[in-house]
Amino acid sequence: KEPVIFDNVPLEKMLPEIAAYYHAEVSFQSDDALQLRFHFVWKPEDGLSYAIEKLNRFESLTIRLDGNKIIVE
């Protein structure tokens, strides 16, 4: 499967799309995080935990997985 490339896409648009693929929910607890824009290459076969781990490498972001819920702090 081809990777999905998000180019300058706000997190509030990108993360729900990734979450939906894994049948997960997203909870934004930080309004600032909604507007963060990313260039992010997502490979669905890598799994949700790995995608979150990669997103957490961005300094301005803390994301955790709690069961089937992705929490953006």
C-alpha atoms as a PDB file:
ATOM      1  CA  LYS A   1       0.000   0.000   0.000  1.00  0.00           C
ATOM      2  CA  GLU A   2       1.190   3.505  -0.838  1.00  0.00           C
ATOM      3  CA  PRO A   3       2.096   5.830   2.037  1.00  0.00           C
ATOM      4  CA  VAL A   4      -0.229   8.762   2.632  1.00  0.00           C
ATOM      5  CA  ILE A   5       1.533  12.115   2.505  1.00  0.00           C
ATOM      6  CA  PHE A   6       0.020  14.956   4.491  1.00  0.00           C
ATOM      7  CA  ASP A   7       1.612  18.196   3.334  1.00  0.00           C
ATOM      8  CA  ASN A   8       1.032  21.264   5.501  1.00  0.00           C
ATOM      9  CA  VAL A   9      -2.167  19.733   6.894  1.00  0.00           C
ATOM     10  CA  PRO A  10      -3.619  20.767  10.284  1.00  0.00           C
ATOM     11  CA  LEU A  11      -3.547  18.081  12.955  1.00  0.00           C
ATOM     12  CA  GLU A  12      -7.331  18.380  13.430  1.00  0.00           C
ATOM     13  CA  LYS A  13      -7.749  17.136   9.848  1.00  0.00           C
ATOM     14  CA  MET A  14      -4.915  14.645   9.679  1.00  0.00           C
ATOM     15  CA  LEU A  15      -5.236  12.766  12.969  1.00  0.00           C
ATOM     16  CA  PRO A  16      -8.942  11.822  12.665  1.00  0.00           C
ATOM     17  CA  GLU A  17      -8.206  10.398   9.211  1.00  0.00           C
ATOM     18  CA  ILE A  18      -5.395   8.247  10.619  1.00  0.00           C
ATOM     19  CA  ALA A  19      -7.529   7.256  13.631  1.00  0.00           C
ATOM     20  CA  ALA A  20     -10.476   6.213  11.457  1.00  0.00           C
ATOM     21  CA  TYR A  21      -8.262   3.744   9.611  1.00  0.00           C
ATOM     22  CA  TYR A  22      -7.561   1.954  12.916  1.00  0.00           C
ATOM     23  CA  HIS A  23     -11.134   2.413  14.244  1.00  0.00           C
ATOM     24  CA  ALA A  24      -9.843   4.700  16.999  1.00  0.00           C
ATOM     25  CA  GLU A  25     -11.210   7.952  18.429  1.00  0.00           C
ATOM     26  CA  VAL A  26      -9.382  11.251  18.805  1.00  0.00           C
ATOM     27  CA  SER A  27      -9.709  13.561  21.784  1.00  0.00           C
ATOM     28  CA  PHE A  28      -8.134  17.020  21.530  1.00  0.00           C
ATOM     29  CA  GLN A  29      -7.406  18.465  24.976  1.00  0.00           C
ATOM     30  CA  SER A  30      -5.323  21.305  23.573  1.00  0.00           C
ATOM     31  CA  ASP A  31      -6.829  23.923  21.272  1.00  0.00           C
ATOM     32  CA  ASP A  32      -3.342  24.973  20.199  1.00  0.00           C
ATOM     33  CA  ALA A  33      -2.659  21.507  18.822  1.00  0.00           C
ATOM     34  CA  LEU A  34      -5.662  21.735  16.488  1.00  0.00           C
ATOM     35  CA  GLN A  35      -3.951  24.334  14.343  1.00  0.00           C
ATOM     36  CA  LEU A  36      -0.499  22.748  14.164  1.00  0.00           C
ATOM     37  CA  ARG A  37       0.379  21.932  10.575  1.00  0.00           C
ATOM     38  CA  PHE A  38       2.515  19.016   9.535  1.00  0.00           C
ATOM     39  CA  HIS A  39       4.332  17.435   6.704  1.00  0.00           C
ATOM     40  CA  PHE A  40       3.879  13.806   7.676  1.00  0.00           C
ATOM     41  CA  VAL A  41       4.282  10.558   5.796  1.00  0.00           C
ATOM     42  CA  TRP A  42       1.963   7.886   7.143  1.00  0.00           C
ATOM     43  CA  LYS A  43       2.318   4.231   6.259  1.00  0.00           C
ATOM     44  CA  PRO A  44      -0.876   2.481   7.446  1.00  0.00           C
ATOM     45  CA  GLU A  45       0.853  -0.908   7.682  1.00  0.00           C
ATOM     46  CA  ASP A  46       3.241   0.461  10.356  1.00  0.00           C
ATOM     47  CA  GLY A  47       0.397   0.531  12.886  1.00  0.00           C
ATOM     48  CA  LEU A  48      -1.162   3.198  15.062  1.00  0.00           C
ATOM     49  CA  SER A  49       1.394   3.076  17.880  1.00  0.00           C
ATOM     50  CA  TYR A  50       4.205   3.762  15.453  1.00  0.00           C
ATOM     51  CA  ALA A  51       2.338   6.676  13.833  1.00  0.00           C
ATOM     52  CA  ILE A  52       1.808   8.221  17.275  1.00  0.00           C
ATOM     53  CA  GLU A  53       5.449   7.644  18.179  1.00  0.00           C
ATOM     54  CA  LYS A  54       6.497   9.483  14.988  1.00  0.00           C
ATOM     55  CA  LEU A  55       4.114  12.383  15.684  1.00  0.00           C
ATOM     56  CA  ASN A  56       5.458  12.694  19.226  1.00  0.00           C
ATOM     57  CA  ARG A  57       8.879  13.504  17.776  1.00  0.00           C
ATOM     58  CA  PHE A  58       7.512  16.969  16.953  1.00  0.00           C
ATOM     59  CA  GLU A  59       8.431  19.125  19.932  1.00  0.00           C
ATOM     60  CA  SER A  60       5.149  20.996  20.173  1.00  0.00           C
ATOM     61  CA  LEU A  61       3.065  17.876  20.556  1.00  0.00           C
ATOM     62  CA  THR A  62       2.170  15.211  23.118  1.00  0.00           C
ATOM     63  CA  ILE A  63      -0.076  12.397  21.950  1.00  0.00           C
ATOM     64  CA  ARG A  64      -0.868   9.238  23.832  1.00  0.00           C
ATOM     65  CA  LEU A  65      -2.886   6.168  23.137  1.00  0.00           C
ATOM     66  CA  ASP A  66      -5.311   5.063  25.833  1.00  0.00           C
ATOM     67  CA  GLY A  67      -6.994   1.873  24.720  1.00  0.00           C
ATOM     68  CA  ASN A  68      -8.737   2.819  21.491  1.00  0.00           C
ATOM     69  CA  LYS A  69      -8.557   6.572  22.092  1.00  0.00           C
ATOM     70  CA  ILE A  70      -5.871   8.937  20.836  1.00  0.00           C
ATOM     71  CA  ILE A  71      -5.433  11.807  23.275  1.00  0.00           C
ATOM     72  CA  VAL A  72      -3.744  15.023  22.160  1.00  0.00           C
ATOM     73  CA  GLU A  73      -2.486  17.055  25.126  1.00  0.00           C
END
